[in-house]
Structure formats: C-alpha cells, structure tokens
Amino acid sequence: ADHDVIAVENFRPKFLAKSTMARKAADAAIGATKKALLEMARKHGRVVHLVHPAHTTMDCARCGARTKHALPLSERTYACAACGAVSPRDKNSARVMLARAGLNPAGADGARPGGTLFRQAA
C-alpha cells in the first residue's frame, strides 16, 4: 500500500526565530505537528523515519555528490555538477530524504530516477 513508510525531516526551527517567545512558539508548533504525525502513523500501522535535515538541498539524489555552496531559496532548480542531474529543488531534497531513510527514492510519478541510487548517508 502507498505511504506505509514515511520519511520526514527531523526539523528543529530554532535558527529561524529571533526572539525567545517566537522560538518557543515555533518549537511548540513543530513539536505538536511531529507528535501528531507519529501518533497517527502508529495508529494506522505506518512507519515514520525522522531524517537529519543537514544538506538535503545540497546533495544530489542521483549520485550523492554535494554542491560546494548552499543554494539560495530563490534557486528552485537543483543541478548537479558531478553527474548532470537536473530536477526541482524540493523533489531532489525529498529523494535525498527517502534515500537517507533507506527507502526507494521514487519520484512523485512513481518512476525511479536514472543512474545509480544515492548512497545512504548517516
């Protein structure tokens, strides 16, 4: 069945908030969402993998190469200098997270990306 296993970033928003109050509110909101996801997954027999978010926008889902610099948020297309893969930034990041969780990094269309599968990172 679809969505038996889910991979999501183990996101910690502390660096986004300037004030203590905003940081606490962001932490509470992310924490509540993460808790709800985990509880609903357990209730419905699903498995959730929390993936470390570091470098998900810098790593290539096809070959595992890492870009030398972080992409600005305005850059919406990921292009790998090592293998030439080009894909929407968010789709590439999602495939990186799936690979880190040990899952098949199939795209939203159900097709496997071409080339060698991304090596699993710690």
PDB file of N, CA and C in Angstrom:
ATOM      1  N   ALA A   1       0.833  -1.190   0.000  1.00  0.00           N
ATOM      2  CA  ALA A   1       0.000   0.000   0.000  1.00  0.00           C
ATOM      3  C   ALA A   1       0.875   1.250   0.000  1.00  0.00           C
ATOM      4  N   ASP A   2       0.331   2.315  -0.538  1.00  0.00           N
ATOM      5  CA  ASP A   2       1.058   3.581  -0.554  1.00  0.00           C
ATOM      6  C   ASP A   2       1.184   4.146   0.853  1.00  0.00           C
ATOM      7  N   HIS A   3       2.280   4.786   1.098  1.00  0.00           N
ATOM      8  CA  HIS A   3       2.523   5.525   2.336  1.00  0.00           C
ATOM      9  C   HIS A   3       2.597   4.645   3.575  1.00  0.00           C
ATOM     10  N   ASP A   4       3.032   3.398   3.425  1.00  0.00           N
ATOM     11  CA  ASP A   4       3.246   2.544   4.590  1.00  0.00           C
ATOM     12  C   ASP A   4       4.439   3.024   5.398  1.00  0.00           C
ATOM     13  N   VAL A   5       5.399   3.627   4.704  1.00  0.00           N
ATOM     14  CA  VAL A   5       6.587   4.175   5.349  1.00  0.00           C
ATOM     15  C   VAL A   5       6.746   5.618   4.885  1.00  0.00           C
ATOM     16  N   ILE A   6       6.985   6.512   5.845  1.00  0.00           N
ATOM     17  CA  ILE A   6       7.076   7.942   5.558  1.00  0.00           C
ATOM     18  C   ILE A   6       8.418   8.460   6.055  1.00  0.00           C
ATOM     19  N   ALA A   7       9.069   9.284   5.265  1.00  0.00           N
ATOM     20  CA  ALA A   7      10.319   9.929   5.681  1.00  0.00           C
ATOM     21  C   ALA A   7      10.086  11.433   5.737  1.00  0.00           C
ATOM     22  N   VAL A   8      10.403  12.041   6.877  1.00  0.00           N
ATOM     23  CA  VAL A   8      10.280  13.493   7.042  1.00  0.00           C
ATOM     24  C   VAL A   8      11.523  14.028   7.737  1.00  0.00           C
ATOM     25  N   GLU A   9      11.787  15.312   7.523  1.00  0.00           N
ATOM     26  CA  GLU A   9      12.917  15.937   8.202  1.00  0.00           C
ATOM     27  C   GLU A   9      12.661  16.004   9.700  1.00  0.00           C
ATOM     28  N   ASN A  10      13.687  15.728  10.462  1.00  0.00           N
ATOM     29  CA  ASN A  10      13.634  15.925  11.907  1.00  0.00           C
ATOM     30  C   ASN A  10      14.021  17.382  12.146  1.00  0.00           C
ATOM     31  N   PHE A  11      13.132  18.264  11.726  1.00  0.00           N
ATOM     32  CA  PHE A  11      13.391  19.701  11.670  1.00  0.00           C
ATOM     33  C   PHE A  11      13.355  20.337  13.047  1.00  0.00           C
ATOM     34  N   ARG A  12      14.338  21.186  13.300  1.00  0.00           N
ATOM     35  CA  ARG A  12      14.384  21.970  14.535  1.00  0.00           C
ATOM     36  C   ARG A  12      14.482  23.436  14.128  1.00  0.00           C
ATOM     37  N   PRO A  13      13.419  24.211  14.367  1.00  0.00           N
ATOM     38  CA  PRO A  13      13.338  25.568  13.824  1.00  0.00           C
ATOM     39  C   PRO A  13      14.066  26.650  14.618  1.00  0.00           C
ATOM     40  N   LYS A  14      14.871  26.322  15.584  1.00  0.00           N
ATOM     41  CA  LYS A  14      15.448  27.321  16.482  1.00  0.00           C
ATOM     42  C   LYS A  14      16.186  28.436  15.759  1.00  0.00           C
ATOM     43  N   PHE A  15      16.882  28.116  14.686  1.00  0.00           N
ATOM     44  CA  PHE A  15      17.661  29.141  13.997  1.00  0.00           C
ATOM     45  C   PHE A  15      16.792  30.150  13.253  1.00  0.00           C
ATOM     46  N   LEU A  16      15.506  29.865  13.067  1.00  0.00           N
ATOM     47  CA  LEU A  16      14.632  30.763  12.326  1.00  0.00           C
ATOM     48  C   LEU A  16      14.083  31.901  13.175  1.00  0.00           C
ATOM     49  N   ALA A  17      13.933  31.694  14.462  1.00  0.00           N
ATOM     50  CA  ALA A  17      13.274  32.664  15.325  1.00  0.00           C
ATOM     51  C   ALA A  17      14.283  33.592  15.987  1.00  0.00           C
ATOM     52  N   LYS A  18      13.950  34.881  16.013  1.00  0.00           N
ATOM     53  CA  LYS A  18      14.836  35.876  16.614  1.00  0.00           C
ATOM     54  C   LYS A  18      14.615  35.994  18.122  1.00  0.00           C
ATOM     55  N   SER A  19      13.369  36.002  18.555  1.00  0.00           N
ATOM     56  CA  SER A  19      13.083  36.193  19.981  1.00  0.00           C
ATOM     57  C   SER A  19      12.828  34.857  20.668  1.00  0.00           C
ATOM     58  N   THR A  20      12.981  34.869  21.972  1.00  0.00           N
ATOM     59  CA  THR A  20      12.746  33.659  22.762  1.00  0.00           C
ATOM     60  C   THR A  20      11.300  33.199  22.621  1.00  0.00           C
ATOM     61  N   MET A  21      10.362  34.141  22.653  1.00  0.00           N
ATOM     62  CA  MET A  21       8.947  33.784  22.559  1.00  0.00           C
ATOM     63  C   MET A  21       8.629  33.169  21.192  1.00  0.00           C
ATOM     64  N   ALA A  22       9.150  33.768  20.126  1.00  0.00           N
ATOM     65  CA  ALA A  22       8.916  33.228  18.781  1.00  0.00           C
ATOM     66  C   ALA A  22       9.541  31.851  18.642  1.00  0.00           C
ATOM     67  N   ARG A  23      10.714  31.672  19.217  1.00  0.00           N
ATOM     68  CA  ARG A  23      11.398  30.377  19.160  1.00  0.00           C
ATOM     69  C   ARG A  23      10.580  29.313  19.888  1.00  0.00           C
ATOM     70  N   LYS A  24      10.060  29.656  21.066  1.00  0.00           N
ATOM     71  CA  LYS A  24       9.241  28.699  21.824  1.00  0.00           C
ATOM     72  C   LYS A  24       7.960  28.350  21.071  1.00  0.00           C
ATOM     73  N   ALA A  25       7.346  29.346  20.437  1.00  0.00           N
ATOM     74  CA  ALA A  25       6.121  29.093  19.669  1.00  0.00           C
ATOM     75  C   ALA A  25       6.414  28.192  18.474  1.00  0.00           C
ATOM     76  N   ALA A  26       7.513  28.456  17.778  1.00  0.00           N
ATOM     77  CA  ALA A  26       7.887  27.628  16.625  1.00  0.00           C
ATOM     78  C   ALA A  26       8.211  26.209  17.064  1.00  0.00           C
ATOM     79  N   ASP A  27       8.964  26.074  18.158  1.00  0.00           N
ATOM     80  CA  ASP A  27       9.293  24.747  18.683  1.00  0.00           C
ATOM     81  C   ASP A  27       8.031  23.978  19.049  1.00  0.00           C
ATOM     82  N   ALA A  28       7.076  24.664  19.690  1.00  0.00           N
ATOM     83  CA  ALA A  28       5.833  24.013  20.102  1.00  0.00           C
ATOM     84  C   ALA A  28       5.020  23.572  18.888  1.00  0.00           C
ATOM     85  N   ALA A  29       4.938  24.421  17.872  1.00  0.00           N
ATOM     86  CA  ALA A  29       4.156  24.089  16.675  1.00  0.00           C
ATOM     87  C   ALA A  29       4.768  22.912  15.923  1.00  0.00           C
ATOM     88  N   ILE A  30       6.080  22.952  15.722  1.00  0.00           N
ATOM     89  CA  ILE A  30       6.749  21.846  15.032  1.00  0.00           C
ATOM     90  C   ILE A  30       6.644  20.581  15.863  1.00  0.00           C
ATOM     91  N   GLY A  31       6.850  20.704  17.165  1.00  0.00           N
ATOM     92  CA  GLY A  31       6.763  19.544  18.057  1.00  0.00           C
ATOM     93  C   GLY A  31       5.381  18.913  18.039  1.00  0.00           C
ATOM     94  N   ALA A  32       4.336  19.749  18.068  1.00  0.00           N
ATOM     95  CA  ALA A  32       2.963  19.237  18.052  1.00  0.00           C
ATOM     96  C   ALA A  32       2.653  18.548  16.725  1.00  0.00           C
ATOM     97  N   THR A  33       3.111  19.127  15.632  1.00  0.00           N
ATOM     98  CA  THR A  33       2.885  18.526  14.315  1.00  0.00           C
ATOM     99  C   THR A  33       3.607  17.194  14.197  1.00  0.00           C
ATOM    100  N   LYS A  34       4.857  17.166  14.648  1.00  0.00           N
ATOM    101  CA  LYS A  34       5.645  15.932  14.590  1.00  0.00           C
ATOM    102  C   LYS A  34       4.998  14.849  15.456  1.00  0.00           C
ATOM    103  N   LYS A  35       4.551  15.235  16.658  1.00  0.00           N
ATOM    104  CA  LYS A  35       3.904  14.281  17.569  1.00  0.00           C
ATOM    105  C   LYS A  35       2.617  13.734  16.945  1.00  0.00           C
ATOM    106  N   ALA A  36       1.815  14.614  16.337  1.00  0.00           N
ATOM    107  CA  ALA A  36       0.566  14.178  15.706  1.00  0.00           C
ATOM    108  C   ALA A  36       0.845  13.218  14.548  1.00  0.00           C
ATOM    109  N   LEU A  37       1.850  13.529  13.741  1.00  0.00           N
ATOM    110  CA  LEU A  37       2.219  12.652  12.628  1.00  0.00           C
ATOM    111  C   LEU A  37       2.634  11.279  13.138  1.00  0.00           C
ATOM    112  N   LEU A  38       3.494  11.256  14.149  1.00  0.00           N
ATOM    113  CA  LEU A  38       3.962   9.982  14.701  1.00  0.00           C
ATOM    114  C   LEU A  38       2.820   9.171  15.308  1.00  0.00           C
ATOM    115  N   GLU A  39       1.918   9.841  16.027  1.00  0.00           N
ATOM    116  CA  GLU A  39       0.781   9.139  16.640  1.00  0.00           C
ATOM    117  C   GLU A  39      -0.180   8.585  15.593  1.00  0.00           C
ATOM    118  N   MET A  40      -0.483   9.386  14.564  1.00  0.00           N
ATOM    119  CA  MET A  40      -1.391   8.913  13.516  1.00  0.00           C
ATOM    120  C   MET A  40      -0.758   7.773  12.721  1.00  0.00           C
ATOM    121  N   ALA A  41       0.523   7.870  12.473  1.00  0.00           N
ATOM    122  CA  ALA A  41       1.216   6.797  11.756  1.00  0.00           C
ATOM    123  C   ALA A  41       1.151   5.501  12.553  1.00  0.00           C
ATOM    124  N   ARG A  42       1.433   5.585  13.848  1.00  0.00           N
ATOM    125  CA  ARG A  42       1.385   4.392  14.703  1.00  0.00           C
ATOM    126  C   ARG A  42      -0.028   3.816  14.729  1.00  0.00           C
ATOM    127  N   LYS A  43      -1.019   4.686  14.874  1.00  0.00           N
ATOM    128  CA  LYS A  43      -2.419   4.258  14.929  1.00  0.00           C
ATOM    129  C   LYS A  43      -2.832   3.504  13.662  1.00  0.00           C
ATOM    130  N   HIS A  44      -2.282   3.909  12.526  1.00  0.00           N
ATOM    131  CA  HIS A  44      -2.654   3.309  11.245  1.00  0.00           C
ATOM    132  C   HIS A  44      -1.619   2.321  10.718  1.00  0.00           C
ATOM    133  N   GLY A  45      -0.694   1.916  11.598  1.00  0.00           N
ATOM    134  CA  GLY A  45       0.278   0.898  11.225  1.00  0.00           C
ATOM    135  C   GLY A  45       1.348   1.360  10.253  1.00  0.00           C
ATOM    136  N   ARG A  46       1.645   2.636  10.259  1.00  0.00           N
ATOM    137  CA  ARG A  46       2.668   3.186   9.372  1.00  0.00           C
ATOM    138  C   ARG A  46       3.963   3.402  10.145  1.00  0.00           C
ATOM    139  N   VAL A  47       5.060   3.484   9.409  1.00  0.00           N
ATOM    140  CA  VAL A  47       6.376   3.728   9.993  1.00  0.00           C
ATOM    141  C   VAL A  47       6.852   5.100   9.526  1.00  0.00           C
ATOM    142  N   VAL A  48       7.370   5.903  10.460  1.00  0.00           N
ATOM    143  CA  VAL A  48       7.903   7.219  10.120  1.00  0.00           C
ATOM    144  C   VAL A  48       9.392   7.237  10.425  1.00  0.00           C
ATOM    145  N   HIS A  49      10.187   7.630   9.438  1.00  0.00           N
ATOM    146  CA  HIS A  49      11.628   7.807   9.626  1.00  0.00           C
ATOM    147  C   HIS A  49      11.897   9.304   9.737  1.00  0.00           C
ATOM    148  N   LEU A  50      12.477   9.733  10.858  1.00  0.00           N
ATOM    149  CA  LEU A  50      12.884  11.125  11.012  1.00  0.00           C
ATOM    150  C   LEU A  50      14.312  11.244  10.492  1.00  0.00           C
ATOM    151  N   VAL A  51      14.499  12.064   9.482  1.00  0.00           N
ATOM    152  CA  VAL A  51      15.771  12.176   8.775  1.00  0.00           C
ATOM    153  C   VAL A  51      16.462  13.482   9.151  1.00  0.00           C
ATOM    154  N   HIS A  52      17.767  13.419   9.425  1.00  0.00           N
ATOM    155  CA  HIS A  52      18.531  14.625   9.726  1.00  0.00           C
ATOM    156  C   HIS A  52      18.489  15.543   8.504  1.00  0.00           C
ATOM    157  N   PRO A  53      18.110  16.812   8.695  1.00  0.00           N
ATOM    158  CA  PRO A  53      17.901  17.695   7.550  1.00  0.00           C
ATOM    159  C   PRO A  53      19.159  18.306   6.929  1.00  0.00           C
ATOM    160  N   ALA A  54      20.317  18.098   7.526  1.00  0.00           N
ATOM    161  CA  ALA A  54      21.530  18.754   7.019  1.00  0.00           C
ATOM    162  C   ALA A  54      21.816  18.383   5.565  1.00  0.00           C
ATOM    163  N   HIS A  55      22.015  19.394   4.758  1.00  0.00           N
ATOM    164  CA  HIS A  55      22.465  19.267   3.368  1.00  0.00           C
ATOM    165  C   HIS A  55      21.474  18.593   2.419  1.00  0.00           C
ATOM    166  N   THR A  56      20.202  18.493   2.783  1.00  0.00           N
ATOM    167  CA  THR A  56      19.253  17.845   1.869  1.00  0.00           C
ATOM    168  C   THR A  56      19.089  18.632   0.577  1.00  0.00           C
ATOM    169  N   THR A  57      19.307  19.948   0.612  1.00  0.00           N
ATOM    170  CA  THR A  57      19.206  20.741  -0.614  1.00  0.00           C
ATOM    171  C   THR A  57      20.538  20.840  -1.345  1.00  0.00           C
ATOM    172  N   MET A  58      21.600  20.322  -0.753  1.00  0.00           N
ATOM    173  CA  MET A  58      22.929  20.401  -1.373  1.00  0.00           C
ATOM    174  C   MET A  58      23.391  19.066  -1.951  1.00  0.00           C
ATOM    175  N   ASP A  59      22.769  17.960  -1.540  1.00  0.00           N
ATOM    176  CA  ASP A  59      23.169  16.632  -2.003  1.00  0.00           C
ATOM    177  C   ASP A  59      22.363  16.228  -3.233  1.00  0.00           C
ATOM    178  N   CYS A  60      23.014  15.528  -4.144  1.00  0.00           N
ATOM    179  CA  CYS A  60      22.346  15.027  -5.347  1.00  0.00           C
ATOM    180  C   CYS A  60      21.693  13.682  -5.031  1.00  0.00           C
ATOM    181  N   ALA A  61      20.407  13.567  -5.342  1.00  0.00           N
ATOM    182  CA  ALA A  61      19.694  12.315  -5.089  1.00  0.00           C
ATOM    183  C   ALA A  61      20.142  11.210  -6.033  1.00  0.00           C
ATOM    184  N   ARG A  62      20.718  11.556  -7.171  1.00  0.00           N
ATOM    185  CA  ARG A  62      21.146  10.544  -8.130  1.00  0.00           C
ATOM    186  C   ARG A  62      22.515   9.966  -7.772  1.00  0.00           C
ATOM    187  N   CYS A  63      23.510  10.834  -7.537  1.00  0.00           N
ATOM    188  CA  CYS A  63      24.878  10.329  -7.338  1.00  0.00           C
ATOM    189  C   CYS A  63      25.436  10.561  -5.939  1.00  0.00           C
ATOM    190  N   GLY A  64      24.778  11.394  -5.126  1.00  0.00           N
ATOM    191  CA  GLY A  64      25.236  11.644  -3.763  1.00  0.00           C
ATOM    192  C   GLY A  64      26.246  12.762  -3.627  1.00  0.00           C
ATOM    193  N   ALA A  65      26.647  13.376  -4.737  1.00  0.00           N
ATOM    194  CA  ALA A  65      27.617  14.472  -4.670  1.00  0.00           C
ATOM    195  C   ALA A  65      27.002  15.670  -3.950  1.00  0.00           C
ATOM    196  N   ARG A  66      27.833  16.449  -3.287  1.00  0.00           N
ATOM    197  CA  ARG A  66      27.371  17.634  -2.563  1.00  0.00           C
ATOM    198  C   ARG A  66      27.895  18.884  -3.262  1.00  0.00           C
ATOM    199  N   THR A  67      26.997  19.861  -3.450  1.00  0.00           N
ATOM    200  CA  THR A  67      27.432  21.127  -4.043  1.00  0.00           C
ATOM    201  C   THR A  67      28.361  21.839  -3.079  1.00  0.00           C
ATOM    202  N   LYS A  68      29.186  22.713  -3.596  1.00  0.00           N
ATOM    203  CA  LYS A  68      30.166  23.408  -2.770  1.00  0.00           C
ATOM    204  C   LYS A  68      29.557  24.562  -1.980  1.00  0.00           C
ATOM    205  N   HIS A  69      28.363  24.993  -2.346  1.00  0.00           N
ATOM    206  CA  HIS A  69      27.723  26.109  -1.656  1.00  0.00           C
ATOM    207  C   HIS A  69      26.227  25.831  -1.503  1.00  0.00           C
ATOM    208  N   ALA A  70      25.649  26.424  -0.467  1.00  0.00           N
ATOM    209  CA  ALA A  70      24.211  26.281  -0.245  1.00  0.00           C
ATOM    210  C   ALA A  70      23.460  27.050  -1.328  1.00  0.00           C
ATOM    211  N   LEU A  71      22.362  26.488  -1.792  1.00  0.00           N
ATOM    212  CA  LEU A  71      21.546  27.163  -2.794  1.00  0.00           C
ATOM    213  C   LEU A  71      20.704  28.238  -2.122  1.00  0.00           C
ATOM    214  N   PRO A  72      20.616  29.429  -2.712  1.00  0.00           N
ATOM    215  CA  PRO A  72      19.708  30.435  -2.153  1.00  0.00           C
ATOM    216  C   PRO A  72      18.263  29.959  -2.336  1.00  0.00           C
ATOM    217  N   LEU A  73      17.366  30.422  -1.477  1.00  0.00           N
ATOM    218  CA  LEU A  73      15.968  29.989  -1.563  1.00  0.00           C
ATOM    219  C   LEU A  73      15.330  30.354  -2.904  1.00  0.00           C
ATOM    220  N   SER A  74      15.835  31.388  -3.549  1.00  0.00           N
ATOM    221  CA  SER A  74      15.282  31.785  -4.847  1.00  0.00           C
ATOM    222  C   SER A  74      15.625  30.779  -5.949  1.00  0.00           C
ATOM    223  N   GLU A  75      16.633  29.965  -5.735  1.00  0.00           N
ATOM    224  CA  GLU A  75      17.050  28.945  -6.711  1.00  0.00           C
ATOM    225  C   GLU A  75      16.139  27.730  -6.550  1.00  0.00           C
ATOM    226  N   ARG A  76      15.231  27.507  -7.501  1.00  0.00           N
ATOM    227  CA  ARG A  76      14.222  26.456  -7.364  1.00  0.00           C
ATOM    228  C   ARG A  76      14.573  25.180  -8.128  1.00  0.00           C
ATOM    229  N   THR A  77      15.677  25.191  -8.873  1.00  0.00           N
ATOM    230  CA  THR A  77      16.100  24.016  -9.626  1.00  0.00           C
ATOM    231  C   THR A  77      17.450  23.551  -9.123  1.00  0.00           C
ATOM    232  N   TYR A  78      17.555  22.246  -8.856  1.00  0.00           N
ATOM    233  CA  TYR A  78      18.825  21.663  -8.431  1.00  0.00           C
ATOM    234  C   TYR A  78      19.519  21.108  -9.667  1.00  0.00           C
ATOM    235  N   ALA A  79      20.781  21.469  -9.852  1.00  0.00           N
ATOM    236  CA  ALA A  79      21.581  20.941 -10.962  1.00  0.00           C
ATOM    237  C   ALA A  79      22.889  20.416 -10.385  1.00  0.00           C
ATOM    238  N   CYS A  80      23.159  19.137 -10.586  1.00  0.00           N
ATOM    239  CA  CYS A  80      24.366  18.506 -10.057  1.00  0.00           C
ATOM    240  C   CYS A  80      25.521  18.698 -11.035  1.00  0.00           C
ATOM    241  N   ALA A  81      26.606  19.280 -10.537  1.00  0.00           N
ATOM    242  CA  ALA A  81      27.796  19.478 -11.370  1.00  0.00           C
ATOM    243  C   ALA A  81      28.520  18.159 -11.617  1.00  0.00           C
ATOM    244  N   ALA A  82      28.341  17.180 -10.725  1.00  0.00           N
ATOM    245  CA  ALA A  82      29.060  15.905 -10.840  1.00  0.00           C
ATOM    246  C   ALA A  82      28.454  14.973 -11.890  1.00  0.00           C
ATOM    247  N   CYS A  83      27.127  14.795 -11.857  1.00  0.00           N
ATOM    248  CA  CYS A  83      26.510  13.821 -12.771  1.00  0.00           C
ATOM    249  C   CYS A  83      25.574  14.452 -13.799  1.00  0.00           C
ATOM    250  N   GLY A  84      25.288  15.751 -13.646  1.00  0.00           N
ATOM    251  CA  GLY A  84      24.433  16.440 -14.605  1.00  0.00           C
ATOM    252  C   GLY A  84      22.940  16.323 -14.343  1.00  0.00           C
ATOM    253  N   ALA A  85      22.549  15.690 -13.243  1.00  0.00           N
ATOM    254  CA  ALA A  85      21.121  15.559 -12.924  1.00  0.00           C
ATOM    255  C   ALA A  85      20.514  16.940 -12.697  1.00  0.00           C
ATOM    256  N   VAL A  86      19.306  17.146 -13.211  1.00  0.00           N
ATOM    257  CA  VAL A  86      18.581  18.397 -13.021  1.00  0.00           C
ATOM    258  C   VAL A  86      17.168  18.041 -12.584  1.00  0.00           C
ATOM    259  N   SER A  87      16.709  18.637 -11.495  1.00  0.00           N
ATOM    260  CA  SER A  87      15.346  18.387 -11.025  1.00  0.00           C
ATOM    261  C   SER A  87      14.899  19.551 -10.157  1.00  0.00           C
ATOM    262  N   PRO A  88      13.585  19.662  -9.925  1.00  0.00           N
ATOM    263  CA  PRO A  88      13.125  20.693  -8.999  1.00  0.00           C
ATOM    264  C   PRO A  88      13.794  20.490  -7.634  1.00  0.00           C
ATOM    265  N   ARG A  89      14.182  21.580  -7.020  1.00  0.00           N
ATOM    266  CA  ARG A  89      14.913  21.539  -5.753  1.00  0.00           C
ATOM    267  C   ARG A  89      14.201  20.698  -4.696  1.00  0.00           C
ATOM    268  N   ASP A  90      12.897  20.912  -4.518  1.00  0.00           N
ATOM    269  CA  ASP A  90      12.151  20.195  -3.482  1.00  0.00           C
ATOM    270  C   ASP A  90      12.062  18.704  -3.778  1.00  0.00           C
ATOM    271  N   LYS A  91      11.912  18.342  -5.049  1.00  0.00           N
ATOM    272  CA  LYS A  91      11.838  16.923  -5.412  1.00  0.00           C
ATOM    273  C   LYS A  91      13.181  16.243  -5.152  1.00  0.00           C
ATOM    274  N   ASN A  92      14.284  16.912  -5.488  1.00  0.00           N
ATOM    275  CA  ASN A  92      15.608  16.356  -5.216  1.00  0.00           C
ATOM    276  C   ASN A  92      15.793  16.155  -3.709  1.00  0.00           C
ATOM    277  N   SER A  93      15.411  17.155  -2.909  1.00  0.00           N
ATOM    278  CA  SER A  93      15.545  17.050  -1.449  1.00  0.00           C
ATOM    279  C   SER A  93      14.703  15.903  -0.894  1.00  0.00           C
ATOM    280  N   ALA A  94      13.495  15.741  -1.421  1.00  0.00           N
ATOM    281  CA  ALA A  94      12.632  14.643  -0.970  1.00  0.00           C
ATOM    282  C   ALA A  94      13.269  13.296  -1.282  1.00  0.00           C
ATOM    283  N   ARG A  95      13.867  13.175  -2.461  1.00  0.00           N
ATOM    284  CA  ARG A  95      14.538  11.919  -2.823  1.00  0.00           C
ATOM    285  C   ARG A  95      15.753  11.663  -1.937  1.00  0.00           C
ATOM    286  N   VAL A  96      16.478  12.722  -1.575  1.00  0.00           N
ATOM    287  CA  VAL A  96      17.616  12.580  -0.658  1.00  0.00           C
ATOM    288  C   VAL A  96      17.123  12.059   0.694  1.00  0.00           C
ATOM    289  N   MET A  97      16.018  12.621   1.197  1.00  0.00           N
ATOM    290  CA  MET A  97      15.473  12.165   2.484  1.00  0.00           C
ATOM    291  C   MET A  97      15.032  10.707   2.411  1.00  0.00           C
ATOM    292  N   LEU A  98      14.392  10.309   1.324  1.00  0.00           N
ATOM    293  CA  LEU A  98      13.984   8.912   1.170  1.00  0.00           C
ATOM    294  C   LEU A  98      15.194   7.991   1.182  1.00  0.00           C
ATOM    295  N   ALA A  99      16.231   8.378   0.466  1.00  0.00           N
ATOM    296  CA  ALA A  99      17.443   7.552   0.427  1.00  0.00           C
ATOM    297  C   ALA A  99      18.084   7.461   1.805  1.00  0.00           C
ATOM    298  N   ARG A 100      18.129   8.569   2.539  1.00  0.00           N
ATOM    299  CA  ARG A 100      18.695   8.552   3.890  1.00  0.00           C
ATOM    300  C   ARG A 100      17.893   7.662   4.826  1.00  0.00           C
ATOM    301  N   ALA A 101      16.599   7.557   4.569  1.00  0.00           N
ATOM    302  CA  ALA A 101      15.743   6.699   5.390  1.00  0.00           C
ATOM    303  C   ALA A 101      15.824   5.241   4.949  1.00  0.00           C
ATOM    304  N   GLY A 102      16.608   4.973   3.897  1.00  0.00           N
ATOM    305  CA  GLY A 102      16.752   3.604   3.408  1.00  0.00           C
ATOM    306  C   GLY A 102      15.614   3.162   2.519  1.00  0.00           C
ATOM    307  N   LEU A 103      14.893   4.119   1.944  1.00  0.00           N
ATOM    308  CA  LEU A 103      13.735   3.815   1.103  1.00  0.00           C
ATOM    309  C   LEU A 103      14.075   4.033  -0.364  1.00  0.00           C
ATOM    310  N   ASN A 104      13.265   3.480  -1.249  1.00  0.00           N
ATOM    311  CA  ASN A 104      13.438   3.655  -2.685  1.00  0.00           C
ATOM    312  C   ASN A 104      13.089   5.091  -3.053  1.00  0.00           C
ATOM    313  N   PRO A 105      14.047   5.856  -3.562  1.00  0.00           N
ATOM    314  CA  PRO A 105      13.747   7.256  -3.889  1.00  0.00           C
ATOM    315  C   PRO A 105      13.002   7.412  -5.205  1.00  0.00           C
ATOM    316  N   ALA A 106      11.790   6.870  -5.285  1.00  0.00           N
ATOM    317  CA  ALA A 106      10.955   7.031  -6.476  1.00  0.00           C
ATOM    318  C   ALA A 106      10.363   8.430  -6.471  1.00  0.00           C
ATOM    319  N   GLY A 107      10.153   8.974  -7.651  1.00  0.00           N
ATOM    320  CA  GLY A 107       9.581  10.306  -7.753  1.00  0.00           C
ATOM    321  C   GLY A 107       8.079  10.275  -7.537  1.00  0.00           C
ATOM    322  N   ALA A 108       7.468  11.443  -7.558  1.00  0.00           N
ATOM    323  CA  ALA A 108       6.021  11.548  -7.381  1.00  0.00           C
ATOM    324  C   ALA A 108       5.288  10.808  -8.494  1.00  0.00           C
ATOM    325  N   ASP A 109       5.949  10.671  -9.648  1.00  0.00           N
ATOM    326  CA  ASP A 109       5.334   9.963 -10.768  1.00  0.00           C
ATOM    327  C   ASP A 109       5.514   8.454 -10.667  1.00  0.00           C
ATOM    328  N   GLY A 110       6.209   7.989  -9.618  1.00  0.00           N
ATOM    329  CA  GLY A 110       6.404   6.565  -9.404  1.00  0.00           C
ATOM    330  C   GLY A 110       7.588   5.995 -10.146  1.00  0.00           C
ATOM    331  N   ALA A 111       8.293   6.808 -10.922  1.00  0.00           N
ATOM    332  CA  ALA A 111       9.446   6.324 -11.680  1.00  0.00           C
ATOM    333  C   ALA A 111      10.724   6.509 -10.879  1.00  0.00           C
ATOM    334  N   ARG A 112      11.613   5.539 -10.973  1.00  0.00           N
ATOM    335  CA  ARG A 112      12.901   5.669 -10.302  1.00  0.00           C
ATOM    336  C   ARG A 112      13.761   6.665 -11.067  1.00  0.00           C
ATOM    337  N   PRO A 113      14.544   7.461 -10.331  1.00  0.00           N
ATOM    338  CA  PRO A 113      15.457   8.353 -11.039  1.00  0.00           C
ATOM    339  C   PRO A 113      16.513   7.535 -11.773  1.00  0.00           C
ATOM    340  N   GLY A 114      16.996   8.039 -12.890  1.00  0.00           N
ATOM    341  CA  GLY A 114      18.005   7.320 -13.659  1.00  0.00           C
ATOM    342  C   GLY A 114      19.332   7.286 -12.937  1.00  0.00           C
ATOM    343  N   GLY A 115      20.200   6.428 -13.386  1.00  0.00           N
ATOM    344  CA  GLY A 115      21.540   6.371 -12.804  1.00  0.00           C
ATOM    345  C   GLY A 115      21.587   5.547 -11.538  1.00  0.00           C
ATOM    346  N   THR A 116      22.694   5.638 -10.866  1.00  0.00           N
ATOM    347  CA  THR A 116      22.934   4.886  -9.644  1.00  0.00           C
ATOM    348  C   THR A 116      22.144   5.486  -8.499  1.00  0.00           C
ATOM    349  N   LEU A 117      21.582   4.636  -7.651  1.00  0.00           N
ATOM    350  CA  LEU A 117      20.866   5.148  -6.493  1.00  0.00           C
ATOM    351  C   LEU A 117      21.827   5.832  -5.547  1.00  0.00           C
ATOM    352  N   PHE A 118      21.362   6.877  -4.930  1.00  0.00           N
ATOM    353  CA  PHE A 118      22.112   7.678  -3.963  1.00  0.00           C
ATOM    354  C   PHE A 118      22.592   6.809  -2.819  1.00  0.00           C
ATOM    355  N   ARG A 119      23.828   6.973  -2.433  1.00  0.00           N
ATOM    356  CA  ARG A 119      24.356   6.192  -1.309  1.00  0.00           C
ATOM    357  C   ARG A 119      23.689   6.652  -0.018  1.00  0.00           C
ATOM    358  N   GLN A 120      23.488   5.731   0.887  1.00  0.00           N
ATOM    359  CA  GLN A 120      22.856   6.071   2.160  1.00  0.00           C
ATOM    360  C   GLN A 120      23.827   6.832   3.038  1.00  0.00           C
ATOM    361  N   ALA A 121      23.363   7.943   3.580  1.00  0.00           N
ATOM    362  CA  ALA A 121      24.179   8.751   4.485  1.00  0.00           C
ATOM    363  C   ALA A 121      23.776   8.461   5.921  1.00  0.00           C
ATOM    364  N   ALA A 122      24.677   8.747   6.824  1.00  0.00           N
ATOM    365  CA  ALA A 122      24.404   8.521   8.251  1.00  0.00           C
ATOM    366  C   ALA A 122      23.477   9.568   8.787  1.00  0.00           C
TER     367      ALA A 122
END
